[in-house]
Every structure is written in structure tokens, then in C-alpha cells.
Amino acid sequence: MSGWEWVSGTLILVGCALAFTAALGIVRFPDTLTRMHAATKPQVVGLMLVLTGAGIDLRGDINAWMLVLIGVFTIITAPVVAHLIGRTAYREQRRRDDLRLRVDELDERRR
């Protein structure tokens, strides 16, 4: 095995481990905001590591550019989806009662 195959395999395994921890966080965390954090941060980083490892393995192949497109669309859409989920959870009051926000920009009493 060459050095590039080791790097590729390591990146893919680390990315899979991050995606697995994100899945565990979604199942185990108690409220929507912490689940949203688990669904976006490690999932996106894990996917980028898997795509990078696959890109190294596919270097020189025309299909490697498809991996770049997948990564770009994921980076663009993940924050938008997380924002919409968080805003919906706030409006439906699906958050912990002990969670105190320092600045509550969506509070109707402030307007």
C-alpha cells in the first residue's frame, strides 16, 4: 500500500467516526437545540473528511469533481437548515426550560 492509500483510509475512517458521533448525539441529546448542534457540526466535518479521503483515492478520475460539488452544496445548505430548525424550535417552544438566553432577539415583548 502506498502512502496516499493510508492517508485516504485514515481520513475516511475519521470522517465515519465523526458522522457516527453525530448520529449518537441526535439520538441521545435531550432537546432540539443540542440535537441541531450534533446534526450540523460533526456531520459536516465528517462528510468533508470522507469526501477528501475519497478524492485522494480517486485522484486523476473525472468523478472526483462530483465530490467537490457535494462538499460545496453541503457547506452551503447545512447552516441554512440548522437556522430554520432552530427558529422553528424556538417558535414552538421546544427548548429546555432551564436554558436562559442572554439576548433573546425573537422575544415579542422586546418589540
PDB file of N, CA and C in Angstrom:
ATOM      1  N   MET A   1       0.847  -1.188   0.000  1.00  0.00           N
ATOM      2  CA  MET A   1       0.000   0.000   0.000  1.00  0.00           C
ATOM      3  C   MET A   1       0.885   1.241   0.000  1.00  0.00           C
ATOM      4  N   SER A   2       0.476   2.206  -0.799  1.00  0.00           N
ATOM      5  CA  SER A   2       1.235   3.445  -0.870  1.00  0.00           C
ATOM      6  C   SER A   2       0.819   4.380   0.264  1.00  0.00           C
ATOM      7  N   GLY A   3       1.569   5.458   0.401  1.00  0.00           N
ATOM      8  CA  GLY A   3       1.280   6.437   1.446  1.00  0.00           C
ATOM      9  C   GLY A   3      -0.054   7.134   1.251  1.00  0.00           C
ATOM     10  N   TRP A   4      -0.428   7.347  -0.022  1.00  0.00           N
ATOM     11  CA  TRP A   4      -1.699   8.026  -0.292  1.00  0.00           C
ATOM     12  C   TRP A   4      -2.895   7.169   0.104  1.00  0.00           C
ATOM     13  N   GLU A   5      -2.771   5.874  -0.030  1.00  0.00           N
ATOM     14  CA  GLU A   5      -3.864   4.993   0.379  1.00  0.00           C
ATOM     15  C   GLU A   5      -4.048   4.997   1.882  1.00  0.00           C
ATOM     16  N   TRP A   6      -2.946   5.106   2.623  1.00  0.00           N
ATOM     17  CA  TRP A   6      -3.046   5.216   4.075  1.00  0.00           C
ATOM     18  C   TRP A   6      -3.715   6.515   4.489  1.00  0.00           C
ATOM     19  N   VAL A   7      -3.332   7.597   3.847  1.00  0.00           N
ATOM     20  CA  VAL A   7      -3.936   8.902   4.157  1.00  0.00           C
ATOM     21  C   VAL A   7      -5.423   8.884   3.822  1.00  0.00           C
ATOM     22  N   SER A   8      -5.752   8.345   2.674  1.00  0.00           N
ATOM     23  CA  SER A   8      -7.149   8.270   2.252  1.00  0.00           C
ATOM     24  C   SER A   8      -7.974   7.427   3.223  1.00  0.00           C
ATOM     25  N   GLY A   9      -7.471   6.263   3.578  1.00  0.00           N
ATOM     26  CA  GLY A   9      -8.181   5.390   4.507  1.00  0.00           C
ATOM     27  C   GLY A   9      -8.352   6.017   5.884  1.00  0.00           C
ATOM     28  N   THR A  10      -7.314   6.714   6.349  1.00  0.00           N
ATOM     29  CA  THR A  10      -7.399   7.378   7.654  1.00  0.00           C
ATOM     30  C   THR A  10      -8.445   8.483   7.642  1.00  0.00           C
ATOM     31  N   LEU A  11      -8.459   9.292   6.592  1.00  0.00           N
ATOM     32  CA  LEU A  11      -9.447  10.362   6.501  1.00  0.00           C
ATOM     33  C   LEU A  11     -10.867   9.811   6.453  1.00  0.00           C
ATOM     34  N   ILE A  12     -11.059   8.745   5.713  1.00  0.00           N
ATOM     35  CA  ILE A  12     -12.395   8.145   5.618  1.00  0.00           C
ATOM     36  C   ILE A  12     -12.830   7.577   6.962  1.00  0.00           C
ATOM     37  N   LEU A  13     -11.934   6.906   7.673  1.00  0.00           N
ATOM     38  CA  LEU A  13     -12.288   6.340   8.978  1.00  0.00           C
ATOM     39  C   LEU A  13     -12.584   7.421  10.016  1.00  0.00           C
ATOM     40  N   VAL A  14     -11.792   8.478  10.034  1.00  0.00           N
ATOM     41  CA  VAL A  14     -12.045   9.570  10.978  1.00  0.00           C
ATOM     42  C   VAL A  14     -13.362  10.270  10.639  1.00  0.00           C
ATOM     43  N   GLY A  15     -13.626  10.463   9.367  1.00  0.00           N
ATOM     44  CA  GLY A  15     -14.895  11.061   8.951  1.00  0.00           C
ATOM     45  C   GLY A  15     -16.086  10.201   9.329  1.00  0.00           C
ATOM     46  N   CYS A  16     -15.948   8.890   9.178  1.00  0.00           N
ATOM     47  CA  CYS A  16     -17.029   7.983   9.582  1.00  0.00           C
ATOM     48  C   CYS A  16     -17.238   8.016  11.091  1.00  0.00           C
ATOM     49  N   ALA A  17     -16.158   8.134  11.847  1.00  0.00           N
ATOM     50  CA  ALA A  17     -16.284   8.218  13.303  1.00  0.00           C
ATOM     51  C   ALA A  17     -17.014   9.501  13.708  1.00  0.00           C
ATOM     52  N   LEU A  18     -16.713  10.610  13.050  1.00  0.00           N
ATOM     53  CA  LEU A  18     -17.416  11.859  13.349  1.00  0.00           C
ATOM     54  C   LEU A  18     -18.892  11.771  12.964  1.00  0.00           C
ATOM     55  N   ALA A  19     -19.184  11.169  11.845  1.00  0.00           N
ATOM     56  CA  ALA A  19     -20.584  11.003  11.451  1.00  0.00           C
ATOM     57  C   ALA A  19     -21.322  10.096  12.435  1.00  0.00           C
ATOM     58  N   PHE A  20     -20.647   9.084  12.951  1.00  0.00           N
ATOM     59  CA  PHE A  20     -21.259   8.204  13.942  1.00  0.00           C
ATOM     60  C   PHE A  20     -21.542   8.944  15.246  1.00  0.00           C
ATOM     61  N   THR A  21     -20.598   9.785  15.686  1.00  0.00           N
ATOM     62  CA  THR A  21     -20.845  10.559  16.902  1.00  0.00           C
ATOM     63  C   THR A  21     -21.985  11.550  16.695  1.00  0.00           C
ATOM     64  N   ALA A  22     -22.120  12.086  15.496  1.00  0.00           N
ATOM     65  CA  ALA A  22     -23.249  12.979  15.215  1.00  0.00           C
ATOM     66  C   ALA A  22     -24.568  12.218  15.305  1.00  0.00           C
ATOM     67  N   ALA A  23     -24.592  11.010  14.780  1.00  0.00           N
ATOM     68  CA  ALA A  23     -25.810  10.201  14.865  1.00  0.00           C
ATOM     69  C   ALA A  23     -26.142   9.857  16.312  1.00  0.00           C
ATOM     70  N   LEU A  24     -25.136   9.542  17.110  1.00  0.00           N
ATOM     71  CA  LEU A  24     -25.378   9.279  18.529  1.00  0.00           C
ATOM     72  C   LEU A  24     -25.901  10.521  19.247  1.00  0.00           C
ATOM     73  N   GLY A  25     -25.354  11.674  18.894  1.00  0.00           N
ATOM     74  CA  GLY A  25     -25.816  12.914  19.507  1.00  0.00           C
ATOM     75  C   GLY A  25     -27.259  13.228  19.172  1.00  0.00           C
ATOM     76  N   ILE A  26     -27.654  12.963  17.957  1.00  0.00           N
ATOM     77  CA  ILE A  26     -29.042  13.208  17.560  1.00  0.00           C
ATOM     78  C   ILE A  26     -29.986  12.307  18.358  1.00  0.00           C
ATOM     79  N   VAL A  27     -29.573  11.088  18.598  1.00  0.00           N
ATOM     80  CA  VAL A  27     -30.420  10.154  19.332  1.00  0.00           C
ATOM     81  C   VAL A  27     -30.421  10.447  20.834  1.00  0.00           C
ATOM     82  N   ARG A  28     -29.285  10.835  21.385  1.00  0.00           N
ATOM     83  CA  ARG A  28     -29.141  10.909  22.835  1.00  0.00           C
ATOM     84  C   ARG A  28     -29.391  12.285  23.452  1.00  0.00           C
ATOM     85  N   PHE A  29     -29.203  13.371  22.719  1.00  0.00           N
ATOM     86  CA  PHE A  29     -29.341  14.693  23.324  1.00  0.00           C
ATOM     87  C   PHE A  29     -30.800  14.997  23.633  1.00  0.00           C
ATOM     88  N   PRO A  30     -31.046  15.799  24.683  1.00  0.00           N
ATOM     89  CA  PRO A  30     -32.420  15.944  25.185  1.00  0.00           C
ATOM     90  C   PRO A  30     -33.305  16.927  24.428  1.00  0.00           C
ATOM     91  N   ASP A  31     -32.755  17.987  23.867  1.00  0.00           N
ATOM     92  CA  ASP A  31     -33.630  18.989  23.257  1.00  0.00           C
ATOM     93  C   ASP A  31     -33.196  19.293  21.833  1.00  0.00           C
ATOM     94  N   THR A  32     -34.012  20.079  21.165  1.00  0.00           N
ATOM     95  CA  THR A  32     -33.812  20.342  19.739  1.00  0.00           C
ATOM     96  C   THR A  32     -32.537  21.120  19.455  1.00  0.00           C
ATOM     97  N   LEU A  33     -32.210  22.088  20.289  1.00  0.00           N
ATOM     98  CA  LEU A  33     -31.034  22.916  20.012  1.00  0.00           C
ATOM     99  C   LEU A  33     -29.738  22.119  20.112  1.00  0.00           C
ATOM    100  N   THR A  34     -29.624  21.248  21.093  1.00  0.00           N
ATOM    101  CA  THR A  34     -28.413  20.433  21.173  1.00  0.00           C
ATOM    102  C   THR A  34     -28.391  19.363  20.083  1.00  0.00           C
ATOM    103  N   ARG A  35     -29.539  18.849  19.714  1.00  0.00           N
ATOM    104  CA  ARG A  35     -29.586  17.911  18.591  1.00  0.00           C
ATOM    105  C   ARG A  35     -29.202  18.595  17.285  1.00  0.00           C
ATOM    106  N   MET A  36     -29.625  19.835  17.150  1.00  0.00           N
ATOM    107  CA  MET A  36     -29.272  20.590  15.951  1.00  0.00           C
ATOM    108  C   MET A  36     -27.757  20.778  15.871  1.00  0.00           C
ATOM    109  N   HIS A  37     -27.126  21.042  16.998  1.00  0.00           N
ATOM    110  CA  HIS A  37     -25.672  21.184  17.025  1.00  0.00           C
ATOM    111  C   HIS A  37     -24.994  19.883  16.598  1.00  0.00           C
ATOM    112  N   ALA A  38     -25.503  18.766  17.130  1.00  0.00           N
ATOM    113  CA  ALA A  38     -24.919  17.469  16.776  1.00  0.00           C
ATOM    114  C   ALA A  38     -25.176  17.118  15.320  1.00  0.00           C
ATOM    115  N   ALA A  39     -26.269  17.590  14.773  1.00  0.00           N
ATOM    116  CA  ALA A  39     -26.604  17.246  13.392  1.00  0.00           C
ATOM    117  C   ALA A  39     -25.796  18.044  12.383  1.00  0.00           C
ATOM    118  N   THR A  40     -25.305  19.205  12.764  1.00  0.00           N
ATOM    119  CA  THR A  40     -24.630  20.046  11.781  1.00  0.00           C
ATOM    120  C   THR A  40     -23.113  20.011  11.892  1.00  0.00           C
ATOM    121  N   LYS A  41     -22.570  20.289  13.040  1.00  0.00           N
ATOM    122  CA  LYS A  41     -21.118  20.463  13.144  1.00  0.00           C
ATOM    123  C   LYS A  41     -20.323  19.188  12.847  1.00  0.00           C
ATOM    124  N   PRO A  42     -20.453  18.119  13.645  1.00  0.00           N
ATOM    125  CA  PRO A  42     -19.616  16.952  13.336  1.00  0.00           C
ATOM    126  C   PRO A  42     -20.032  16.240  12.058  1.00  0.00           C
ATOM    127  N   GLN A  43     -21.288  16.349  11.686  1.00  0.00           N
ATOM    128  CA  GLN A  43     -21.744  15.691  10.466  1.00  0.00           C
ATOM    129  C   GLN A  43     -21.079  16.318   9.240  1.00  0.00           C
ATOM    130  N   VAL A  44     -21.021  17.625   9.190  1.00  0.00           N
ATOM    131  CA  VAL A  44     -20.423  18.300   8.034  1.00  0.00           C
ATOM    132  C   VAL A  44     -18.918  18.059   7.993  1.00  0.00           C
ATOM    133  N   VAL A  45     -18.262  18.161   9.142  1.00  0.00           N
ATOM    134  CA  VAL A  45     -16.815  17.917   9.173  1.00  0.00           C
ATOM    135  C   VAL A  45     -16.522  16.461   8.806  1.00  0.00           C
ATOM    136  N   GLY A  46     -17.316  15.537   9.319  1.00  0.00           N
ATOM    137  CA  GLY A  46     -17.128  14.127   8.969  1.00  0.00           C
ATOM    138  C   GLY A  46     -17.318  13.875   7.483  1.00  0.00           C
ATOM    139  N   LEU A  47     -18.341  14.500   6.913  1.00  0.00           N
ATOM    140  CA  LEU A  47     -18.568  14.337   5.478  1.00  0.00           C
ATOM    141  C   LEU A  47     -17.414  14.923   4.666  1.00  0.00           C
ATOM    142  N   MET A  48     -16.900  16.080   5.094  1.00  0.00           N
ATOM    143  CA  MET A  48     -15.769  16.673   4.371  1.00  0.00           C
ATOM    144  C   MET A  48     -14.532  15.771   4.440  1.00  0.00           C
ATOM    145  N   LEU A  49     -14.302  15.139   5.589  1.00  0.00           N
ATOM    146  CA  LEU A  49     -13.164  14.220   5.695  1.00  0.00           C
ATOM    147  C   LEU A  49     -13.352  13.000   4.805  1.00  0.00           C
ATOM    148  N   VAL A  50     -14.570  12.456   4.765  1.00  0.00           N
ATOM    149  CA  VAL A  50     -14.839  11.303   3.897  1.00  0.00           C
ATOM    150  C   VAL A  50     -14.670  11.696   2.430  1.00  0.00           C
ATOM    151  N   LEU A  51     -15.183  12.865   2.068  1.00  0.00           N
ATOM    152  CA  LEU A  51     -15.049  13.309   0.677  1.00  0.00           C
ATOM    153  C   LEU A  51     -13.588  13.564   0.305  1.00  0.00           C
ATOM    154  N   THR A  52     -12.825  14.123   1.242  1.00  0.00           N
ATOM    155  CA  THR A  52     -11.400  14.350   0.982  1.00  0.00           C
ATOM    156  C   THR A  52     -10.668  13.023   0.807  1.00  0.00           C
ATOM    157  N   GLY A  53     -10.968  12.065   1.679  1.00  0.00           N
ATOM    158  CA  GLY A  53     -10.351  10.745   1.538  1.00  0.00           C
ATOM    159  C   GLY A  53     -10.733  10.071   0.238  1.00  0.00           C
ATOM    160  N   ALA A  54     -11.991  10.174  -0.148  1.00  0.00           N
ATOM    161  CA  ALA A  54     -12.424   9.596  -1.423  1.00  0.00           C
ATOM    162  C   ALA A  54     -11.787  10.339  -2.594  1.00  0.00           C
ATOM    163  N   GLY A  55     -11.629  11.659  -2.462  1.00  0.00           N
ATOM    164  CA  GLY A  55     -10.983  12.434  -3.522  1.00  0.00           C
ATOM    165  C   GLY A  55      -9.527  12.043  -3.711  1.00  0.00           C
ATOM    166  N   ILE A  56      -8.846  11.781  -2.605  1.00  0.00           N
ATOM    167  CA  ILE A  56      -7.455  11.321  -2.701  1.00  0.00           C
ATOM    168  C   ILE A  56      -7.407   9.953  -3.382  1.00  0.00           C
ATOM    169  N   ASP A  57      -8.353   9.098  -3.053  1.00  0.00           N
ATOM    170  CA  ASP A  57      -8.393   7.772  -3.662  1.00  0.00           C
ATOM    171  C   ASP A  57      -8.748   7.840  -5.146  1.00  0.00           C
ATOM    172  N   LEU A  58      -9.556   8.821  -5.529  1.00  0.00           N
ATOM    173  CA  LEU A  58      -9.988   8.959  -6.929  1.00  0.00           C
ATOM    174  C   LEU A  58      -9.166   9.972  -7.725  1.00  0.00           C
ATOM    175  N   ARG A  59      -8.034  10.402  -7.209  1.00  0.00           N
ATOM    176  CA  ARG A  59      -7.271  11.449  -7.885  1.00  0.00           C
ATOM    177  C   ARG A  59      -6.985  11.059  -9.331  1.00  0.00           C
ATOM    178  N   GLY A  60      -7.180  12.027 -10.197  1.00  0.00           N
ATOM    179  CA  GLY A  60      -6.986  11.783 -11.616  1.00  0.00           C
ATOM    180  C   GLY A  60      -8.236  11.301 -12.336  1.00  0.00           C
ATOM    181  N   ASP A  61      -9.263  10.954 -11.602  1.00  0.00           N
ATOM    182  CA  ASP A  61     -10.508  10.489 -12.215  1.00  0.00           C
ATOM    183  C   ASP A  61     -11.446  11.685 -12.389  1.00  0.00           C
ATOM    184  N   ILE A  62     -12.239  11.689 -13.425  1.00  0.00           N
ATOM    185  CA  ILE A  62     -13.151  12.794 -13.698  1.00  0.00           C
ATOM    186  C   ILE A  62     -14.249  12.874 -12.643  1.00  0.00           C
ATOM    187  N   ASN A  63     -14.595  11.767 -11.994  1.00  0.00           N
ATOM    188  CA  ASN A  63     -15.659  11.754 -10.992  1.00  0.00           C
ATOM    189  C   ASN A  63     -15.254  12.426  -9.681  1.00  0.00           C
ATOM    190  N   ALA A  64     -13.994  12.761  -9.527  1.00  0.00           N
ATOM    191  CA  ALA A  64     -13.550  13.431  -8.304  1.00  0.00           C
ATOM    192  C   ALA A  64     -14.185  14.815  -8.179  1.00  0.00           C
ATOM    193  N   TRP A  65     -14.496  15.452  -9.281  1.00  0.00           N
ATOM    194  CA  TRP A  65     -15.124  16.783  -9.220  1.00  0.00           C
ATOM    195  C   TRP A  65     -16.543  16.714  -8.670  1.00  0.00           C
ATOM    196  N   MET A  66     -17.197  15.586  -8.793  1.00  0.00           N
ATOM    197  CA  MET A  66     -18.518  15.419  -8.194  1.00  0.00           C
ATOM    198  C   MET A  66     -18.429  15.494  -6.673  1.00  0.00           C
ATOM    199  N   LEU A  67     -17.335  15.012  -6.117  1.00  0.00           N
ATOM    200  CA  LEU A  67     -17.126  15.105  -4.669  1.00  0.00           C
ATOM    201  C   LEU A  67     -16.993  16.556  -4.226  1.00  0.00           C
ATOM    202  N   VAL A  68     -16.363  17.363  -5.049  1.00  0.00           N
ATOM    203  CA  VAL A  68     -16.239  18.788  -4.736  1.00  0.00           C
ATOM    204  C   VAL A  68     -17.608  19.447  -4.729  1.00  0.00           C
ATOM    205  N   LEU A  69     -18.447  19.115  -5.687  1.00  0.00           N
ATOM    206  CA  LEU A  69     -19.802  19.677  -5.721  1.00  0.00           C
ATOM    207  C   LEU A  69     -20.621  19.257  -4.504  1.00  0.00           C
ATOM    208  N   ILE A  70     -20.496  18.008  -4.108  1.00  0.00           N
ATOM    209  CA  ILE A  70     -21.214  17.540  -2.918  1.00  0.00           C
ATOM    210  C   ILE A  70     -20.765  18.320  -1.692  1.00  0.00           C
ATOM    211  N   GLY A  71     -19.468  18.526  -1.555  1.00  0.00           N
ATOM    212  CA  GLY A  71     -18.945  19.282  -0.418  1.00  0.00           C
ATOM    213  C   GLY A  71     -19.416  20.722  -0.405  1.00  0.00           C
ATOM    214  N   VAL A  72     -19.410  21.366  -1.560  1.00  0.00           N
ATOM    215  CA  VAL A  72     -19.845  22.769  -1.631  1.00  0.00           C
ATOM    216  C   VAL A  72     -21.325  22.902  -1.286  1.00  0.00           C
ATOM    217  N   PHE A  73     -22.151  22.041  -1.838  1.00  0.00           N
ATOM    218  CA  PHE A  73     -23.584  22.119  -1.541  1.00  0.00           C
ATOM    219  C   PHE A  73     -23.881  21.811  -0.079  1.00  0.00           C
ATOM    220  N   THR A  74     -23.112  20.915   0.519  1.00  0.00           N
ATOM    221  CA  THR A  74     -23.302  20.620   1.941  1.00  0.00           C
ATOM    222  C   THR A  74     -22.921  21.816   2.800  1.00  0.00           C
ATOM    223  N   ILE A  75     -21.823  22.455   2.480  1.00  0.00           N
ATOM    224  CA  ILE A  75     -21.394  23.629   3.253  1.00  0.00           C
ATOM    225  C   ILE A  75     -22.386  24.771   3.094  1.00  0.00           C
ATOM    226  N   ILE A  76     -22.999  24.890   1.941  1.00  0.00           N
ATOM    227  CA  ILE A  76     -23.975  25.960   1.722  1.00  0.00           C
ATOM    228  C   ILE A  76     -25.292  25.671   2.440  1.00  0.00           C
ATOM    229  N   THR A  77     -25.766  24.448   2.381  1.00  0.00           N
ATOM    230  CA  THR A  77     -27.110  24.161   2.891  1.00  0.00           C
ATOM    231  C   THR A  77     -27.169  23.832   4.372  1.00  0.00           C
ATOM    232  N   ALA A  78     -26.115  23.300   4.970  1.00  0.00           N
ATOM    233  CA  ALA A  78     -26.171  22.895   6.383  1.00  0.00           C
ATOM    234  C   ALA A  78     -26.465  24.062   7.332  1.00  0.00           C
ATOM    235  N   PRO A  79     -25.832  25.223   7.199  1.00  0.00           N
ATOM    236  CA  PRO A  79     -26.178  26.326   8.106  1.00  0.00           C
ATOM    237  C   PRO A  79     -27.596  26.844   7.910  1.00  0.00           C
ATOM    238  N   VAL A  80     -28.084  26.827   6.696  1.00  0.00           N
ATOM    239  CA  VAL A  80     -29.446  27.305   6.437  1.00  0.00           C
ATOM    240  C   VAL A  80     -30.464  26.372   7.089  1.00  0.00           C
ATOM    241  N   VAL A  81     -30.258  25.085   6.941  1.00  0.00           N
ATOM    242  CA  VAL A  81     -31.168  24.110   7.546  1.00  0.00           C
ATOM    243  C   VAL A  81     -31.121  24.210   9.067  1.00  0.00           C
ATOM    244  N   ALA A  82     -29.926  24.352   9.637  1.00  0.00           N
ATOM    245  CA  ALA A  82     -29.804  24.466  11.089  1.00  0.00           C
ATOM    246  C   ALA A  82     -30.498  25.726  11.600  1.00  0.00           C
ATOM    247  N   HIS A  83     -30.377  26.814  10.865  1.00  0.00           N
ATOM    248  CA  HIS A  83     -31.048  28.047  11.265  1.00  0.00           C
ATOM    249  C   HIS A  83     -32.565  27.889  11.248  1.00  0.00           C
ATOM    250  N   LEU A  84     -33.081  27.275  10.210  1.00  0.00           N
ATOM    251  CA  LEU A  84     -34.528  27.079  10.121  1.00  0.00           C
ATOM    252  C   LEU A  84     -35.052  26.129  11.193  1.00  0.00           C
ATOM    253  N   ILE A  85     -34.304  25.091  11.496  1.00  0.00           N
ATOM    254  CA  ILE A  85     -34.719  24.172  12.553  1.00  0.00           C
ATOM    255  C   ILE A  85     -34.692  24.869  13.904  1.00  0.00           C
ATOM    256  N   GLY A  86     -33.649  25.639  14.172  1.00  0.00           N
ATOM    257  CA  GLY A  86     -33.567  26.358  15.438  1.00  0.00           C
ATOM    258  C   GLY A  86     -34.660  27.391  15.596  1.00  0.00           C
ATOM    259  N   ARG A  87     -34.945  28.100  14.553  1.00  0.00           N
ATOM    260  CA  ARG A  87     -36.006  29.122  14.614  1.00  0.00           C
ATOM    261  C   ARG A  87     -37.381  28.469  14.819  1.00  0.00           C
ATOM    262  N   THR A  88     -37.634  27.368  14.142  1.00  0.00           N
ATOM    263  CA  THR A  88     -38.895  26.661  14.325  1.00  0.00           C
ATOM    264  C   THR A  88     -39.013  26.094  15.730  1.00  0.00           C
ATOM    265  N   ALA A  89     -37.921  25.555  16.249  1.00  0.00           N
ATOM    266  CA  ALA A  89     -37.944  25.021  17.615  1.00  0.00           C
ATOM    267  C   ALA A  89     -38.195  26.135  18.628  1.00  0.00           C
ATOM    268  N   TYR A  90     -37.633  27.306  18.390  1.00  0.00           N
ATOM    269  CA  TYR A  90     -37.872  28.433  19.293  1.00  0.00           C
ATOM    270  C   TYR A  90     -39.333  28.851  19.250  1.00  0.00           C
ATOM    271  N   ARG A  91     -39.882  28.970  18.076  1.00  0.00           N
ATOM    272  CA  ARG A  91     -41.278  29.415  17.945  1.00  0.00           C
ATOM    273  C   ARG A  91     -42.259  28.414  18.540  1.00  0.00           C
ATOM    274  N   GLU A  92     -41.943  27.129  18.438  1.00  0.00           N
ATOM    275  CA  GLU A  92     -42.818  26.116  19.017  1.00  0.00           C
ATOM    276  C   GLU A  92     -42.481  25.838  20.479  1.00  0.00           C
ATOM    277  N   GLN A  93     -41.534  26.591  21.033  1.00  0.00           N
ATOM    278  CA  GLN A  93     -41.088  26.493  22.418  1.00  0.00           C
ATOM    279  C   GLN A  93     -40.638  25.081  22.761  1.00  0.00           C
ATOM    280  N   ARG A  94     -39.870  24.514  21.878  1.00  0.00           N
ATOM    281  CA  ARG A  94     -39.301  23.181  22.108  1.00  0.00           C
ATOM    282  C   ARG A  94     -37.854  23.330  22.547  1.00  0.00           C
ATOM    283  N   ARG A  95     -37.687  23.938  23.703  1.00  0.00           N
ATOM    284  CA  ARG A  95     -36.358  24.094  24.269  1.00  0.00           C
ATOM    285  C   ARG A  95     -36.446  23.816  25.763  1.00  0.00           C
ATOM    286  N   ARG A  96     -35.290  23.655  26.365  1.00  0.00           N
ATOM    287  CA  ARG A  96     -35.267  23.374  27.808  1.00  0.00           C
ATOM    288  C   ARG A  96     -35.733  24.602  28.568  1.00  0.00           C
ATOM    289  N   ASP A  97     -36.449  24.367  29.656  1.00  0.00           N
ATOM    290  CA  ASP A  97     -36.922  25.474  30.469  1.00  0.00           C
ATOM    291  C   ASP A  97     -35.795  26.137  31.245  1.00  0.00           C
ATOM    292  N   ASP A  98     -34.743  25.388  31.563  1.00  0.00           N
ATOM    293  CA  ASP A  98     -33.636  25.961  32.320  1.00  0.00           C
ATOM    294  C   ASP A  98     -32.655  26.731  31.441  1.00  0.00           C
ATOM    295  N   LEU A  99     -32.860  26.722  30.131  1.00  0.00           N
ATOM    296  CA  LEU A  99     -31.974  27.422  29.216  1.00  0.00           C
ATOM    297  C   LEU A  99     -32.313  28.903  29.201  1.00  0.00           C
ATOM    298  N   ARG A 100     -31.393  29.720  29.623  1.00  0.00           N
ATOM    299  CA  ARG A 100     -31.586  31.170  29.645  1.00  0.00           C
ATOM    300  C   ARG A 100     -30.723  31.801  28.564  1.00  0.00           C
ATOM    301  N   LEU A 101     -31.343  32.524  27.708  1.00  0.00           N
ATOM    302  CA  LEU A 101     -30.625  33.214  26.646  1.00  0.00           C
ATOM    303  C   LEU A 101     -30.228  34.602  27.131  1.00  0.00           C
ATOM    304  N   ARG A 102     -29.034  35.009  26.834  1.00  0.00           N
ATOM    305  CA  ARG A 102     -28.590  36.340  27.247  1.00  0.00           C
ATOM    306  C   ARG A 102     -29.305  37.422  26.454  1.00  0.00           C
ATOM    307  N   VAL A 103     -29.347  37.238  25.163  1.00  0.00           N
ATOM    308  CA  VAL A 103     -30.059  38.168  24.295  1.00  0.00           C
ATOM    309  C   VAL A 103     -31.084  37.353  23.525  1.00  0.00           C
ATOM    310  N   ASP A 104     -32.333  37.691  23.723  1.00  0.00           N
ATOM    311  CA  ASP A 104     -33.409  36.972  23.054  1.00  0.00           C
ATOM    312  C   ASP A 104     -33.973  37.887  21.971  1.00  0.00           C
ATOM    313  N   GLU A 105     -33.424  37.781  20.767  1.00  0.00           N
ATOM    314  CA  GLU A 105     -33.803  38.668  19.681  1.00  0.00           C
ATOM    315  C   GLU A 105     -35.192  38.354  19.115  1.00  0.00           C
ATOM    316  N   LEU A 106     -35.726  37.196  19.397  1.00  0.00           N
ATOM    317  CA  LEU A 106     -37.025  36.821  18.856  1.00  0.00           C
ATOM    318  C   LEU A 106     -38.165  37.031  19.853  1.00  0.00           C
ATOM    319  N   ASP A 107     -37.855  37.567  21.018  1.00  0.00           N
ATOM    320  CA  ASP A 107     -38.880  37.772  22.041  1.00  0.00           C
ATOM    321  C   ASP A 107     -39.831  38.878  21.588  1.00  0.00           C
ATOM    322  N   GLU A 108     -41.116  38.580  21.617  1.00  0.00           N
ATOM    323  CA  GLU A 108     -42.132  39.545  21.176  1.00  0.00           C
ATOM    324  C   GLU A 108     -42.262  40.716  22.138  1.00  0.00           C
ATOM    325  N   ARG A 109     -41.925  40.529  23.402  1.00  0.00           N
ATOM    326  CA  ARG A 109     -42.051  41.611  24.388  1.00  0.00           C
ATOM    327  C   ARG A 109     -41.021  42.706  24.157  1.00  0.00           C
ATOM    328  N   ARG A 110     -39.950  42.420  23.468  1.00  0.00           N
ATOM    329  CA  ARG A 110     -38.903  43.418  23.219  1.00  0.00           C
ATOM    330  C   ARG A 110     -39.255  44.351  22.070  1.00  0.00           C
ATOM    331  N   ARG A 111     -40.235  44.020  21.298  1.00  0.00           N
ATOM    332  CA  ARG A 111     -40.550  44.816  20.087  1.00  0.00           C
ATOM    333  C   ARG A 111     -41.495  45.917  20.383  1.00  0.00           C
TER     334      ARG A 111
END
